[in-house]
Amino acid sequence: MGLSTTQLEAQLRETTEQFEQQMRARGFDPEQAENVALPAALAKLYVERQLLLEKLEEIRGRASNERS
């Protein structure tokens, strides 16, 4: 059984906050994440965040299709 939408959203918020905090601590602007070479730890968080976004979009897409 997978995570619920609410759980994924909470995990995404937490990961995003952690990512942005670590970006700023290293002197990066979080808005520029896609345009700079990230250190390994930041790259890992970035990928984790992107995977969570994809899972949420997939779940929301399925829910939308089921209502149609």
C-alpha atoms as a PDB file:
ATOM      1  CA  MET A   1       0.000   0.000   0.000  1.00  0.00           C
ATOM      2  CA  GLY A   2       1.329   3.442  -0.946  1.00  0.00           C
ATOM      3  CA  LEU A   3       1.296   6.697   0.895  1.00  0.00           C
ATOM      4  CA  SER A   4      -1.831   8.829   0.867  1.00  0.00           C
ATOM      5  CA  THR A   5      -1.917  12.169  -0.887  1.00  0.00           C
ATOM      6  CA  THR A   6      -1.847  13.919   2.486  1.00  0.00           C
ATOM      7  CA  GLN A   7       1.230  11.960   3.562  1.00  0.00           C
ATOM      8  CA  LEU A   8       2.995  12.673   0.276  1.00  0.00           C
ATOM      9  CA  GLU A   9       2.178  16.375   0.541  1.00  0.00           C
ATOM     10  CA  ALA A  10       3.570  16.484   4.089  1.00  0.00           C
ATOM     11  CA  GLN A  11       6.707  14.651   3.007  1.00  0.00           C
ATOM     12  CA  LEU A  12       7.081  17.009   0.041  1.00  0.00           C
ATOM     13  CA  ARG A  13       6.749  20.088   2.288  1.00  0.00           C
ATOM     14  CA  GLU A  14       9.353  18.709   4.689  1.00  0.00           C
ATOM     15  CA  THR A  15      11.763  17.815   1.889  1.00  0.00           C
ATOM     16  CA  THR A  16      11.283  21.200   0.203  1.00  0.00           C
ATOM     17  CA  GLU A  17      11.911  23.063   3.461  1.00  0.00           C
ATOM     18  CA  GLN A  18      15.043  21.007   4.122  1.00  0.00           C
ATOM     19  CA  PHE A  19      16.271  21.500   0.554  1.00  0.00           C
ATOM     20  CA  GLU A  20      15.711  25.262   0.607  1.00  0.00           C
ATOM     21  CA  GLN A  21      17.334  25.634   4.024  1.00  0.00           C
ATOM     22  CA  GLN A  22      20.413  23.692   2.922  1.00  0.00           C
ATOM     23  CA  MET A  23      20.591  25.640  -0.355  1.00  0.00           C
ATOM     24  CA  ARG A  24      20.635  28.944   1.537  1.00  0.00           C
ATOM     25  CA  ALA A  25      23.145  27.622   4.091  1.00  0.00           C
ATOM     26  CA  ARG A  26      25.509  26.893   1.198  1.00  0.00           C
ATOM     27  CA  GLY A  27      24.975  30.309  -0.383  1.00  0.00           C
ATOM     28  CA  PHE A  28      22.640  29.212  -3.176  1.00  0.00           C
ATOM     29  CA  ASP A  29      19.294  30.711  -4.127  1.00  0.00           C
ATOM     30  CA  PRO A  30      16.712  27.861  -4.052  1.00  0.00           C
ATOM     31  CA  GLU A  31      15.061  29.353  -7.153  1.00  0.00           C
ATOM     32  CA  GLN A  32      18.234  28.624  -9.126  1.00  0.00           C
ATOM     33  CA  ALA A  33      18.356  24.894  -8.283  1.00  0.00           C
ATOM     34  CA  GLU A  34      17.858  23.823 -11.893  1.00  0.00           C
ATOM     35  CA  ASN A  35      20.597  26.143 -13.171  1.00  0.00           C
ATOM     36  CA  VAL A  36      23.526  25.310 -10.880  1.00  0.00           C
ATOM     37  CA  ALA A  37      25.660  22.247 -10.209  1.00  0.00           C
ATOM     38  CA  LEU A  38      24.544  21.027  -6.804  1.00  0.00           C
ATOM     39  CA  PRO A  39      26.730  19.310  -4.228  1.00  0.00           C
ATOM     40  CA  ALA A  40      25.812  15.634  -3.733  1.00  0.00           C
ATOM     41  CA  ALA A  41      23.702  16.157  -0.586  1.00  0.00           C
ATOM     42  CA  LEU A  42      21.643  18.881  -2.258  1.00  0.00           C
ATOM     43  CA  ALA A  43      21.320  16.886  -5.460  1.00  0.00           C
ATOM     44  CA  LYS A  44      19.930  13.957  -3.467  1.00  0.00           C
ATOM     45  CA  LEU A  45      17.301  16.184  -1.822  1.00  0.00           C
ATOM     46  CA  TYR A  46      16.448  17.738  -5.182  1.00  0.00           C
ATOM     47  CA  VAL A  47      15.860  14.317  -6.752  1.00  0.00           C
ATOM     48  CA  GLU A  48      13.811  13.166  -3.759  1.00  0.00           C
ATOM     49  CA  ARG A  49      11.673  16.304  -4.056  1.00  0.00           C
ATOM     50  CA  GLN A  50      11.145  15.769  -7.789  1.00  0.00           C
ATOM     51  CA  LEU A  51      10.109  12.135  -7.229  1.00  0.00           C
ATOM     52  CA  LEU A  52       7.564  13.203  -4.622  1.00  0.00           C
ATOM     53  CA  LEU A  53       6.169  15.805  -7.030  1.00  0.00           C
ATOM     54  CA  GLU A  54       5.849  13.148  -9.741  1.00  0.00           C
ATOM     55  CA  LYS A  55       4.068  10.727  -7.386  1.00  0.00           C
ATOM     56  CA  LEU A  56       1.607  13.434  -6.351  1.00  0.00           C
ATOM     57  CA  GLU A  57       0.910  14.388  -9.956  1.00  0.00           C
ATOM     58  CA  GLU A  58       0.339  10.732 -10.826  1.00  0.00           C
ATOM     59  CA  ILE A  59      -2.077  10.227  -7.925  1.00  0.00           C
ATOM     60  CA  ARG A  60      -3.938  13.445  -8.700  1.00  0.00           C
ATOM     61  CA  GLY A  61      -4.125  12.506 -12.377  1.00  0.00           C
ATOM     62  CA  ARG A  62      -5.598   9.113 -11.527  1.00  0.00           C
ATOM     63  CA  ALA A  63      -8.113  10.695  -9.175  1.00  0.00           C
ATOM     64  CA  SER A  64      -9.083  13.183 -11.859  1.00  0.00           C
ATOM     65  CA  ASN A  65      -9.523  10.415 -14.449  1.00  0.00           C
ATOM     66  CA  GLU A  66     -11.666   8.382 -12.064  1.00  0.00           C
ATOM     67  CA  ARG A  67     -14.014  11.344 -11.612  1.00  0.00           C
ATOM     68  CA  SER A  68     -14.351  11.847 -15.361  1.00  0.00           C
END
